[in-house]
């Protein structure tokens, strides 16, 4: 079912997507490179610019339904200096990076309200709250161990390979599950714990 959203909310989510995708993809690529896999650098993923990190289906999910994902960063376990542990660190780095991003969005709300003109202040604060919340949702979804999510790299740690065709099917299925309202309730308990700590009351 299509959620009841406004053009302003769609705009907020689209702008937040650009920031979230750049940070999530850039951090994952950066940690992978630091641990020895130079592939993301050569693939153009070692950047905070969002272009190379946006996944079409994930973007649709985030903008329309408020829950989506970024384009997975190809990481080769055999090139990581610490092997399987490296994959775990890469995934967790992306997760923590988005939680820090959510905290930064929240920290900017008070300055926005106290320094900007009234209407601009309210609009900016609303965007920052939306972006902070979305950052946490994307971070949590990214831990789920299925492609095309970052957590799908956990499968590589156990030697499981998923073909690009199957990944495409899984991505479409994930988007449909998000649209049907199946995924958010599964993540809601973890969100309920993190959101008050990061976003405040």
N, C-alpha and C. Protein backbone atom coordinates (compact mmCIF):
# COMPACT_ATOMS: atom_id res chain seq x y z
N UNK A 1 0.84 -1.19 0.00
CA UNK A 1 0.00 0.00 0.00
C UNK A 1 0.88 1.25 0.00
N UNK A 2 0.53 2.20 -0.84
CA UNK A 2 1.30 3.44 -0.94
C UNK A 2 1.07 4.28 0.31
N UNK A 3 2.15 4.66 1.01
CA UNK A 3 1.98 5.42 2.24
C UNK A 3 1.47 6.82 1.96
N UNK A 4 0.87 7.42 2.98
CA UNK A 4 0.35 8.78 2.88
C UNK A 4 1.50 9.76 3.10
N UNK A 5 2.11 10.22 2.02
CA UNK A 5 3.25 11.11 2.15
C UNK A 5 3.04 12.37 1.32
N UNK A 6 3.78 13.41 1.64
CA UNK A 6 3.68 14.69 0.95
C UNK A 6 4.86 14.88 0.02
N UNK A 7 4.76 15.86 -0.85
CA UNK A 7 5.89 16.20 -1.73
C UNK A 7 7.09 16.63 -0.91
N UNK A 8 6.81 17.35 0.19
CA UNK A 8 7.92 17.77 1.05
C UNK A 8 8.65 16.56 1.63
N UNK A 9 7.89 15.56 2.08
CA UNK A 9 8.51 14.37 2.63
C UNK A 9 9.33 13.62 1.57
N UNK A 10 8.81 13.54 0.36
CA UNK A 10 9.56 12.91 -0.73
C UNK A 10 10.87 13.65 -0.97
N UNK A 11 10.81 14.98 -0.93
CA UNK A 11 12.02 15.78 -1.11
C UNK A 11 13.01 15.56 0.01
N UNK A 12 12.51 15.52 1.24
CA UNK A 12 13.38 15.27 2.40
C UNK A 12 14.09 13.92 2.25
N UNK A 13 13.32 12.91 1.88
CA UNK A 13 13.90 11.57 1.77
C UNK A 13 14.90 11.48 0.62
N UNK A 14 14.61 12.15 -0.48
CA UNK A 14 15.54 12.13 -1.62
C UNK A 14 16.86 12.79 -1.24
N UNK A 15 16.78 13.93 -0.55
CA UNK A 15 18.00 14.62 -0.12
C UNK A 15 18.75 13.78 0.91
N UNK A 16 18.02 13.19 1.84
CA UNK A 16 18.66 12.34 2.84
C UNK A 16 19.34 11.15 2.18
N UNK A 17 18.71 10.60 1.15
CA UNK A 17 19.29 9.47 0.41
C UNK A 17 20.67 9.82 -0.12
N UNK A 18 20.82 11.01 -0.69
CA UNK A 18 22.11 11.42 -1.25
C UNK A 18 23.19 11.42 -0.17
N UNK A 19 22.84 11.91 1.00
CA UNK A 19 23.82 11.97 2.09
C UNK A 19 24.11 10.58 2.64
N UNK A 20 23.04 9.83 2.92
CA UNK A 20 23.18 8.50 3.50
C UNK A 20 23.95 7.55 2.58
N UNK A 21 23.61 7.58 1.30
CA UNK A 21 24.28 6.68 0.34
C UNK A 21 25.76 6.99 0.25
N UNK A 22 26.11 8.27 0.19
CA UNK A 22 27.52 8.65 0.10
C UNK A 22 28.30 8.21 1.32
N UNK A 23 27.73 8.43 2.49
CA UNK A 23 28.43 8.08 3.74
C UNK A 23 28.53 6.57 3.91
N UNK A 24 27.42 5.87 3.73
CA UNK A 24 27.42 4.42 3.93
C UNK A 24 28.35 3.71 2.95
N UNK A 25 28.20 4.03 1.66
CA UNK A 25 29.05 3.39 0.67
C UNK A 25 30.51 3.79 0.81
N UNK A 26 30.74 5.08 1.08
CA UNK A 26 32.11 5.56 1.22
C UNK A 26 32.84 4.95 2.39
N UNK A 27 32.15 4.81 3.51
CA UNK A 27 32.78 4.21 4.70
C UNK A 27 33.09 2.73 4.47
N UNK A 28 32.14 2.01 3.91
CA UNK A 28 32.37 0.58 3.64
C UNK A 28 33.55 0.41 2.69
N UNK A 29 33.58 1.19 1.63
CA UNK A 29 34.69 1.11 0.68
C UNK A 29 36.01 1.49 1.35
N UNK A 30 35.97 2.54 2.17
CA UNK A 30 37.19 3.00 2.83
C UNK A 30 37.78 1.97 3.77
N UNK A 31 36.93 1.33 4.56
CA UNK A 31 37.42 0.31 5.49
C UNK A 31 37.94 -0.90 4.73
N UNK A 32 37.26 -1.28 3.66
CA UNK A 32 37.72 -2.41 2.84
C UNK A 32 39.11 -2.13 2.27
N UNK A 33 39.32 -0.90 1.79
CA UNK A 33 40.63 -0.53 1.24
C UNK A 33 41.68 -0.53 2.34
N UNK A 34 41.34 0.00 3.50
CA UNK A 34 42.29 0.02 4.62
C UNK A 34 42.70 -1.39 5.04
N UNK A 35 41.77 -2.34 4.88
CA UNK A 35 42.06 -3.71 5.27
C UNK A 35 42.72 -4.54 4.16
N UNK A 36 42.96 -3.90 3.02
CA UNK A 36 43.75 -4.56 1.99
C UNK A 36 43.10 -4.80 0.65
N UNK A 37 41.78 -4.63 0.54
CA UNK A 37 41.11 -4.85 -0.74
C UNK A 37 41.03 -3.51 -1.48
N UNK A 38 41.84 -3.36 -2.51
CA UNK A 38 41.88 -2.10 -3.26
C UNK A 38 40.78 -2.02 -4.33
N UNK A 39 40.00 -3.10 -4.47
CA UNK A 39 38.96 -3.15 -5.48
C UNK A 39 37.99 -1.98 -5.45
N UNK A 40 37.43 -1.64 -4.28
CA UNK A 40 36.49 -0.52 -4.24
C UNK A 40 37.09 0.80 -4.73
N UNK A 41 38.39 0.97 -4.54
CA UNK A 41 39.07 2.18 -5.02
C UNK A 41 39.07 2.20 -6.54
N UNK A 42 39.39 1.08 -7.16
CA UNK A 42 39.44 1.00 -8.61
C UNK A 42 38.04 1.01 -9.23
N UNK A 43 37.04 0.61 -8.42
CA UNK A 43 35.66 0.61 -8.91
C UNK A 43 35.00 1.97 -8.77
N UNK A 44 35.73 2.95 -8.23
CA UNK A 44 35.17 4.28 -8.06
C UNK A 44 34.26 4.41 -6.85
N UNK A 45 34.35 3.47 -5.92
CA UNK A 45 33.46 3.50 -4.75
C UNK A 45 34.10 4.19 -3.55
N UNK A 46 35.39 4.51 -3.64
CA UNK A 46 36.07 5.15 -2.52
C UNK A 46 35.82 6.66 -2.57
N UNK A 47 34.58 7.04 -2.32
CA UNK A 47 34.17 8.44 -2.38
C UNK A 47 32.92 8.63 -1.53
N UNK A 48 32.74 9.85 -1.04
CA UNK A 48 31.53 10.19 -0.31
C UNK A 48 30.46 10.78 -1.23
N UNK A 49 30.81 10.93 -2.50
CA UNK A 49 29.82 11.39 -3.47
C UNK A 49 28.80 10.27 -3.69
N UNK A 50 27.53 10.59 -3.71
CA UNK A 50 26.50 9.54 -3.70
C UNK A 50 26.29 8.78 -5.00
N UNK A 51 26.69 9.35 -6.14
CA UNK A 51 26.35 8.77 -7.43
C UNK A 51 26.59 7.28 -7.55
N UNK A 52 27.78 6.82 -7.22
CA UNK A 52 28.13 5.41 -7.38
C UNK A 52 27.57 4.50 -6.30
N UNK A 53 26.96 5.09 -5.26
CA UNK A 53 26.49 4.29 -4.13
C UNK A 53 24.98 4.09 -4.11
N UNK A 54 24.27 4.69 -5.05
CA UNK A 54 22.81 4.62 -5.04
C UNK A 54 22.31 3.40 -5.81
N UNK A 55 21.50 2.61 -5.16
CA UNK A 55 20.86 1.45 -5.77
C UNK A 55 19.43 1.86 -6.15
N UNK A 56 19.03 1.59 -7.38
CA UNK A 56 17.73 2.06 -7.86
C UNK A 56 16.58 1.56 -7.00
N UNK A 57 16.51 0.25 -6.78
CA UNK A 57 15.41 -0.29 -5.99
C UNK A 57 15.49 0.18 -4.54
N UNK A 58 16.71 0.24 -4.02
CA UNK A 58 16.88 0.73 -2.65
C UNK A 58 16.45 2.18 -2.51
N UNK A 59 16.73 2.98 -3.54
CA UNK A 59 16.34 4.38 -3.52
C UNK A 59 14.82 4.52 -3.57
N UNK A 60 14.17 3.70 -4.38
CA UNK A 60 12.71 3.72 -4.45
C UNK A 60 12.11 3.38 -3.08
N UNK A 61 12.68 2.36 -2.45
CA UNK A 61 12.20 1.97 -1.13
C UNK A 61 12.35 3.08 -0.12
N UNK A 62 13.49 3.75 -0.13
CA UNK A 62 13.76 4.79 0.86
C UNK A 62 12.89 6.01 0.63
N UNK A 63 12.78 6.45 -0.61
CA UNK A 63 12.04 7.68 -0.91
C UNK A 63 10.53 7.49 -0.75
N UNK A 64 10.01 6.39 -1.24
CA UNK A 64 8.56 6.20 -1.23
C UNK A 64 8.07 5.56 0.07
N UNK A 65 8.81 4.59 0.57
CA UNK A 65 8.33 3.84 1.73
C UNK A 65 9.12 4.11 3.01
N UNK A 66 10.16 4.93 2.94
CA UNK A 66 10.91 5.28 4.14
C UNK A 66 11.86 4.22 4.64
N UNK A 67 12.16 3.23 3.80
CA UNK A 67 13.09 2.18 4.18
C UNK A 67 13.74 1.63 2.92
N UNK A 68 15.06 1.72 2.85
CA UNK A 68 15.75 1.27 1.65
C UNK A 68 17.21 0.96 1.94
N UNK A 69 17.98 0.84 0.89
CA UNK A 69 19.38 0.44 1.04
C UNK A 69 20.23 1.10 -0.03
N UNK A 70 21.55 0.99 0.16
CA UNK A 70 22.50 1.55 -0.80
C UNK A 70 23.10 0.42 -1.64
N UNK A 71 23.75 0.81 -2.70
CA UNK A 71 24.36 -0.17 -3.61
C UNK A 71 25.47 -0.93 -2.90
N UNK A 72 25.45 -2.25 -2.95
CA UNK A 72 26.49 -3.02 -2.26
C UNK A 72 27.88 -2.74 -2.83
N UNK A 73 28.87 -2.72 -1.94
CA UNK A 73 30.26 -2.53 -2.35
C UNK A 73 30.91 -3.91 -2.49
N UNK A 74 31.41 -4.26 -3.67
CA UNK A 74 32.08 -5.56 -3.83
C UNK A 74 33.36 -5.62 -3.00
N UNK A 75 33.42 -6.59 -2.10
CA UNK A 75 34.60 -6.78 -1.25
C UNK A 75 35.05 -8.22 -1.36
N UNK A 76 36.36 -8.42 -1.59
CA UNK A 76 36.91 -9.76 -1.73
C UNK A 76 37.59 -10.19 -0.42
N UNK A 77 37.07 -11.24 0.19
CA UNK A 77 37.61 -11.69 1.47
C UNK A 77 39.09 -12.06 1.37
N UNK A 78 39.46 -12.72 0.27
CA UNK A 78 40.84 -13.20 0.14
C UNK A 78 41.84 -12.05 0.08
N UNK A 79 41.35 -10.84 -0.22
CA UNK A 79 42.25 -9.69 -0.27
C UNK A 79 42.33 -8.93 1.05
N UNK A 80 41.45 -9.26 1.97
CA UNK A 80 41.47 -8.61 3.28
C UNK A 80 42.54 -9.24 4.16
N UNK A 81 43.33 -8.41 4.80
CA UNK A 81 44.45 -8.91 5.60
C UNK A 81 44.00 -9.80 6.76
N UNK A 82 42.80 -9.56 7.27
CA UNK A 82 42.34 -10.36 8.41
C UNK A 82 41.16 -11.27 8.04
N UNK A 83 41.00 -11.51 6.76
CA UNK A 83 40.03 -12.50 6.29
C UNK A 83 38.59 -12.23 6.69
N UNK A 84 37.94 -13.27 7.20
CA UNK A 84 36.51 -13.18 7.51
C UNK A 84 36.19 -12.09 8.52
N UNK A 85 37.08 -11.91 9.49
CA UNK A 85 36.87 -10.85 10.49
C UNK A 85 36.80 -9.50 9.79
N UNK A 86 37.52 -9.35 8.71
CA UNK A 86 37.51 -8.10 7.96
C UNK A 86 36.14 -7.77 7.41
N UNK A 87 35.44 -8.81 6.92
CA UNK A 87 34.08 -8.59 6.40
C UNK A 87 33.17 -8.07 7.51
N UNK A 88 33.29 -8.65 8.69
CA UNK A 88 32.48 -8.20 9.83
C UNK A 88 32.78 -6.74 10.15
N UNK A 89 34.06 -6.38 10.15
CA UNK A 89 34.44 -4.99 10.43
C UNK A 89 33.92 -4.03 9.37
N UNK A 90 33.95 -4.46 8.12
CA UNK A 90 33.46 -3.62 7.03
C UNK A 90 31.97 -3.33 7.21
N UNK A 91 31.20 -4.37 7.50
CA UNK A 91 29.76 -4.21 7.68
C UNK A 91 29.46 -3.34 8.89
N UNK A 92 30.15 -3.61 10.00
CA UNK A 92 29.90 -2.84 11.22
C UNK A 92 30.32 -1.38 11.06
N UNK A 93 31.36 -1.14 10.26
CA UNK A 93 31.79 0.24 10.03
C UNK A 93 30.70 1.03 9.33
N UNK A 94 30.05 0.41 8.34
CA UNK A 94 28.94 1.07 7.66
C UNK A 94 27.79 1.34 8.61
N UNK A 95 27.51 0.38 9.48
CA UNK A 95 26.44 0.51 10.46
C UNK A 95 26.72 1.67 11.44
N UNK A 96 27.91 1.64 12.02
CA UNK A 96 28.27 2.68 12.99
C UNK A 96 28.34 4.05 12.32
N UNK A 97 28.84 4.09 11.09
CA UNK A 97 28.92 5.35 10.36
C UNK A 97 27.56 6.00 10.20
N UNK A 98 26.54 5.20 9.94
CA UNK A 98 25.19 5.76 9.79
C UNK A 98 24.60 6.18 11.13
N UNK A 99 24.93 5.48 12.20
CA UNK A 99 24.46 5.91 13.52
C UNK A 99 25.10 7.24 13.90
N UNK A 100 26.38 7.40 13.60
CA UNK A 100 27.05 8.68 13.86
C UNK A 100 26.42 9.79 13.01
N UNK A 101 26.09 9.44 11.77
CA UNK A 101 25.43 10.40 10.88
C UNK A 101 24.10 10.85 11.47
N UNK A 102 23.34 9.90 11.99
CA UNK A 102 22.05 10.22 12.62
C UNK A 102 22.26 11.16 13.80
N UNK A 103 23.30 10.91 14.58
CA UNK A 103 23.60 11.77 15.73
C UNK A 103 23.98 13.18 15.27
N UNK A 104 24.72 13.28 14.18
CA UNK A 104 25.11 14.59 13.66
C UNK A 104 23.90 15.36 13.14
N UNK A 105 23.00 14.67 12.46
CA UNK A 105 21.77 15.31 12.01
C UNK A 105 21.02 15.89 13.21
N UNK A 106 20.93 15.09 14.26
CA UNK A 106 20.22 15.52 15.46
C UNK A 106 20.90 16.71 16.12
N UNK A 107 22.23 16.69 16.16
CA UNK A 107 22.97 17.77 16.79
C UNK A 107 22.80 19.10 16.05
N UNK A 108 22.46 19.04 14.79
CA UNK A 108 22.30 20.26 13.99
C UNK A 108 20.92 20.90 14.14
N UNK A 109 19.99 20.19 14.76
CA UNK A 109 18.62 20.71 14.87
C UNK A 109 18.58 22.00 15.70
N UNK A 110 19.21 21.98 16.86
CA UNK A 110 19.15 23.17 17.73
C UNK A 110 19.79 24.38 17.07
N UNK A 111 21.00 24.26 16.48
CA UNK A 111 21.57 25.42 15.78
C UNK A 111 20.67 25.93 14.66
N UNK A 112 20.02 25.01 13.95
CA UNK A 112 19.13 25.43 12.86
C UNK A 112 17.97 26.24 13.39
N UNK A 113 17.40 25.79 14.51
CA UNK A 113 16.24 26.47 15.08
C UNK A 113 16.60 27.84 15.66
N UNK A 114 17.84 27.98 16.10
CA UNK A 114 18.23 29.23 16.77
C UNK A 114 18.91 30.24 15.86
N UNK A 115 19.32 29.82 14.67
CA UNK A 115 20.06 30.75 13.80
C UNK A 115 19.33 31.09 12.51
N UNK A 116 18.46 30.23 12.03
CA UNK A 116 17.79 30.47 10.75
C UNK A 116 16.48 31.24 10.95
N UNK A 117 16.02 31.91 9.90
CA UNK A 117 14.70 32.55 9.97
C UNK A 117 13.63 31.50 10.27
N UNK A 118 12.51 31.92 10.83
CA UNK A 118 11.50 31.02 11.38
C UNK A 118 11.09 29.89 10.43
N UNK A 119 10.63 30.24 9.24
CA UNK A 119 10.15 29.21 8.31
C UNK A 119 11.27 28.27 7.88
N UNK A 120 12.43 28.84 7.55
CA UNK A 120 13.57 28.03 7.16
C UNK A 120 14.03 27.14 8.30
N UNK A 121 13.96 27.67 9.52
CA UNK A 121 14.38 26.90 10.69
C UNK A 121 13.50 25.67 10.89
N UNK A 122 12.19 25.86 10.77
CA UNK A 122 11.27 24.75 10.95
C UNK A 122 11.43 23.69 9.86
N UNK A 123 11.61 24.15 8.62
CA UNK A 123 11.79 23.22 7.51
C UNK A 123 13.10 22.44 7.65
N UNK A 124 14.16 23.15 7.99
CA UNK A 124 15.47 22.50 8.16
C UNK A 124 15.44 21.50 9.30
N UNK A 125 14.81 21.88 10.42
CA UNK A 125 14.72 20.97 11.56
C UNK A 125 13.92 19.72 11.20
N UNK A 126 12.84 19.90 10.44
CA UNK A 126 12.04 18.75 10.01
C UNK A 126 12.85 17.82 9.13
N UNK A 127 13.65 18.40 8.23
CA UNK A 127 14.51 17.57 7.38
C UNK A 127 15.53 16.81 8.21
N UNK A 128 16.16 17.49 9.16
CA UNK A 128 17.20 16.86 9.98
C UNK A 128 16.63 15.71 10.81
N UNK A 129 15.41 15.90 11.32
CA UNK A 129 14.77 14.80 12.07
C UNK A 129 14.49 13.62 11.15
N UNK A 130 13.98 13.91 9.96
CA UNK A 130 13.69 12.85 9.00
C UNK A 130 14.96 12.11 8.60
N UNK A 131 16.01 12.86 8.29
CA UNK A 131 17.27 12.26 7.86
C UNK A 131 17.90 11.43 8.98
N UNK A 132 17.79 11.91 10.21
CA UNK A 132 18.33 11.15 11.34
C UNK A 132 17.62 9.82 11.51
N UNK A 133 16.30 9.85 11.42
CA UNK A 133 15.52 8.62 11.54
C UNK A 133 15.83 7.65 10.40
N UNK A 134 15.89 8.17 9.17
CA UNK A 134 16.20 7.32 8.02
C UNK A 134 17.58 6.69 8.14
N UNK A 135 18.53 7.42 8.68
CA UNK A 135 19.89 6.89 8.84
C UNK A 135 19.89 5.65 9.73
N UNK A 136 19.09 5.69 10.79
CA UNK A 136 19.02 4.54 11.68
C UNK A 136 18.33 3.36 11.00
N UNK A 137 17.24 3.63 10.30
CA UNK A 137 16.54 2.55 9.60
C UNK A 137 17.44 1.88 8.56
N UNK A 138 18.17 2.69 7.78
CA UNK A 138 19.07 2.13 6.76
C UNK A 138 20.20 1.35 7.42
N UNK A 139 20.72 1.86 8.54
CA UNK A 139 21.78 1.16 9.26
C UNK A 139 21.31 -0.22 9.72
N UNK A 140 20.11 -0.28 10.28
CA UNK A 140 19.59 -1.56 10.77
C UNK A 140 19.31 -2.53 9.63
N UNK A 141 18.69 -2.03 8.56
CA UNK A 141 18.40 -2.89 7.42
C UNK A 141 19.70 -3.44 6.83
N UNK A 142 20.73 -2.62 6.83
CA UNK A 142 22.01 -3.03 6.25
C UNK A 142 22.67 -4.21 6.96
N UNK A 143 22.25 -4.50 8.19
CA UNK A 143 22.82 -5.63 8.93
C UNK A 143 22.19 -6.97 8.55
N UNK A 144 21.03 -6.92 7.90
CA UNK A 144 20.34 -8.16 7.54
C UNK A 144 21.20 -8.93 6.52
N UNK A 145 21.50 -10.19 6.78
CA UNK A 145 22.46 -10.94 5.95
C UNK A 145 21.90 -11.51 4.65
N UNK A 146 21.35 -10.63 3.82
CA UNK A 146 20.92 -11.07 2.49
C UNK A 146 21.34 -10.02 1.46
N UNK A 147 21.78 -10.46 0.28
CA UNK A 147 22.02 -9.51 -0.79
C UNK A 147 20.68 -8.88 -1.17
N UNK A 148 20.62 -7.63 -1.54
CA UNK A 148 21.73 -6.75 -1.91
C UNK A 148 22.21 -5.87 -0.76
N UNK A 149 21.86 -6.22 0.47
CA UNK A 149 22.23 -5.41 1.62
C UNK A 149 23.70 -5.61 1.98
N UNK A 150 24.26 -4.64 2.71
CA UNK A 150 25.65 -4.76 3.14
C UNK A 150 25.85 -6.04 3.94
N UNK A 151 24.84 -6.39 4.74
CA UNK A 151 24.92 -7.61 5.53
C UNK A 151 25.01 -8.86 4.69
N UNK A 152 24.67 -8.75 3.40
CA UNK A 152 24.81 -9.89 2.51
C UNK A 152 26.24 -10.37 2.39
N UNK A 153 27.19 -9.48 2.75
CA UNK A 153 28.60 -9.88 2.71
C UNK A 153 28.91 -10.94 3.76
N UNK A 154 28.06 -11.08 4.77
CA UNK A 154 28.25 -12.15 5.75
C UNK A 154 28.26 -13.51 5.06
N UNK A 155 27.46 -13.63 3.99
CA UNK A 155 27.41 -14.90 3.25
C UNK A 155 28.78 -15.23 2.66
N UNK A 156 29.47 -14.19 2.18
CA UNK A 156 30.81 -14.42 1.62
C UNK A 156 31.76 -14.96 2.69
N UNK A 157 31.55 -14.51 3.91
CA UNK A 157 32.43 -14.97 5.00
C UNK A 157 32.31 -16.46 5.22
N UNK A 158 31.18 -17.04 4.81
CA UNK A 158 30.97 -18.48 4.95
C UNK A 158 31.11 -19.21 3.62
N UNK A 159 31.67 -18.51 2.64
CA UNK A 159 31.94 -19.13 1.36
C UNK A 159 30.73 -19.29 0.46
N UNK A 160 29.65 -18.58 0.77
CA UNK A 160 28.44 -18.69 -0.05
C UNK A 160 28.41 -17.58 -1.09
N UNK A 161 28.23 -17.96 -2.34
CA UNK A 161 28.18 -17.01 -3.44
C UNK A 161 26.76 -16.94 -3.99
N UNK A 162 26.30 -15.74 -4.24
CA UNK A 162 24.96 -15.53 -4.79
C UNK A 162 25.10 -14.87 -6.15
N UNK A 163 24.54 -15.48 -7.18
CA UNK A 163 24.68 -14.94 -8.53
C UNK A 163 23.97 -13.60 -8.64
N UNK A 164 24.38 -12.81 -9.62
CA UNK A 164 23.79 -11.49 -9.82
C UNK A 164 22.30 -11.60 -10.13
N UNK A 165 21.91 -12.68 -10.84
CA UNK A 165 20.50 -12.87 -11.15
C UNK A 165 19.68 -13.10 -9.88
N UNK A 166 20.20 -13.94 -8.99
CA UNK A 166 19.51 -14.20 -7.73
C UNK A 166 19.49 -12.95 -6.87
N UNK A 167 20.57 -12.19 -6.88
CA UNK A 167 20.61 -10.95 -6.13
C UNK A 167 19.53 -9.99 -6.62
N UNK A 168 19.33 -9.93 -7.92
CA UNK A 168 18.29 -9.08 -8.48
C UNK A 168 16.91 -9.49 -8.01
N UNK A 169 16.68 -10.79 -7.98
CA UNK A 169 15.39 -11.32 -7.51
C UNK A 169 15.19 -10.99 -6.02
N UNK A 170 16.24 -11.18 -5.24
CA UNK A 170 16.16 -10.88 -3.81
C UNK A 170 15.90 -9.39 -3.58
N UNK A 171 16.53 -8.54 -4.39
CA UNK A 171 16.34 -7.09 -4.25
C UNK A 171 14.89 -6.71 -4.53
N UNK A 172 14.33 -7.28 -5.58
CA UNK A 172 12.93 -6.99 -5.92
C UNK A 172 12.01 -7.52 -4.83
N UNK A 173 12.30 -8.69 -4.34
CA UNK A 173 11.50 -9.26 -3.26
C UNK A 173 11.56 -8.42 -2.00
N UNK A 174 12.75 -7.89 -1.71
CA UNK A 174 12.92 -7.04 -0.54
C UNK A 174 12.10 -5.76 -0.67
N UNK A 175 12.15 -5.16 -1.86
CA UNK A 175 11.37 -3.94 -2.09
C UNK A 175 9.88 -4.22 -1.92
N UNK A 176 9.41 -5.33 -2.45
CA UNK A 176 8.00 -5.69 -2.31
C UNK A 176 7.63 -5.93 -0.84
N UNK A 177 8.55 -6.55 -0.09
CA UNK A 177 8.30 -6.80 1.33
C UNK A 177 8.23 -5.48 2.10
N UNK A 178 9.11 -4.54 1.73
CA UNK A 178 9.08 -3.21 2.36
C UNK A 178 7.77 -2.50 2.04
N UNK A 179 7.37 -2.57 0.77
CA UNK A 179 6.13 -1.92 0.33
C UNK A 179 4.92 -2.52 1.04
N UNK A 180 4.97 -3.81 1.32
CA UNK A 180 3.86 -4.48 1.98
C UNK A 180 3.86 -4.26 3.49
N UNK A 181 4.89 -3.59 4.00
CA UNK A 181 4.94 -3.31 5.42
C UNK A 181 5.41 -4.47 6.27
N UNK A 182 6.13 -5.41 5.65
CA UNK A 182 6.58 -6.60 6.37
C UNK A 182 7.91 -6.38 7.10
N UNK A 183 8.79 -5.58 6.51
CA UNK A 183 10.15 -5.46 7.02
C UNK A 183 10.26 -4.53 8.22
N UNK A 184 9.60 -3.39 8.15
CA UNK A 184 9.75 -2.39 9.22
C UNK A 184 9.40 -2.95 10.61
N UNK A 185 8.30 -3.70 10.78
CA UNK A 185 8.01 -4.25 12.11
C UNK A 185 9.10 -5.16 12.65
N UNK A 186 9.82 -5.84 11.76
CA UNK A 186 10.89 -6.73 12.19
C UNK A 186 12.07 -5.94 12.76
N UNK A 187 12.29 -4.74 12.20
CA UNK A 187 13.40 -3.91 12.66
C UNK A 187 12.99 -2.96 13.79
N UNK A 188 11.68 -2.81 13.99
CA UNK A 188 11.17 -1.82 14.94
C UNK A 188 11.70 -1.98 16.37
N UNK A 189 11.83 -3.21 16.90
CA UNK A 189 12.36 -3.31 18.28
C UNK A 189 13.76 -2.74 18.41
N UNK A 190 14.63 -3.01 17.44
CA UNK A 190 15.99 -2.46 17.49
C UNK A 190 15.96 -0.94 17.32
N UNK A 191 15.08 -0.46 16.43
CA UNK A 191 14.94 0.98 16.24
C UNK A 191 14.46 1.64 17.53
N UNK A 192 13.55 1.01 18.22
CA UNK A 192 13.00 1.55 19.46
C UNK A 192 14.09 1.70 20.54
N UNK A 193 15.12 0.86 20.46
CA UNK A 193 16.22 0.96 21.42
C UNK A 193 17.19 2.07 21.00
N UNK A 194 17.53 2.11 19.72
CA UNK A 194 18.54 3.06 19.24
C UNK A 194 18.04 4.50 19.12
N UNK A 195 16.82 4.65 18.63
CA UNK A 195 16.32 6.00 18.33
C UNK A 195 16.35 6.94 19.54
N UNK A 196 15.86 6.52 20.72
CA UNK A 196 15.91 7.46 21.85
C UNK A 196 17.34 7.83 22.25
N UNK A 197 18.26 6.92 22.07
CA UNK A 197 19.66 7.18 22.44
C UNK A 197 20.31 8.16 21.48
N UNK A 198 19.95 8.07 20.21
CA UNK A 198 20.61 8.87 19.19
C UNK A 198 19.82 10.14 18.83
N UNK A 199 18.52 9.98 18.71
CA UNK A 199 17.67 11.09 18.28
C UNK A 199 17.10 11.87 19.45
N UNK A 200 17.16 11.29 20.64
CA UNK A 200 16.56 11.96 21.80
C UNK A 200 15.06 11.71 21.83
N UNK A 201 14.40 12.43 22.70
CA UNK A 201 12.95 12.25 22.86
C UNK A 201 12.21 12.72 21.63
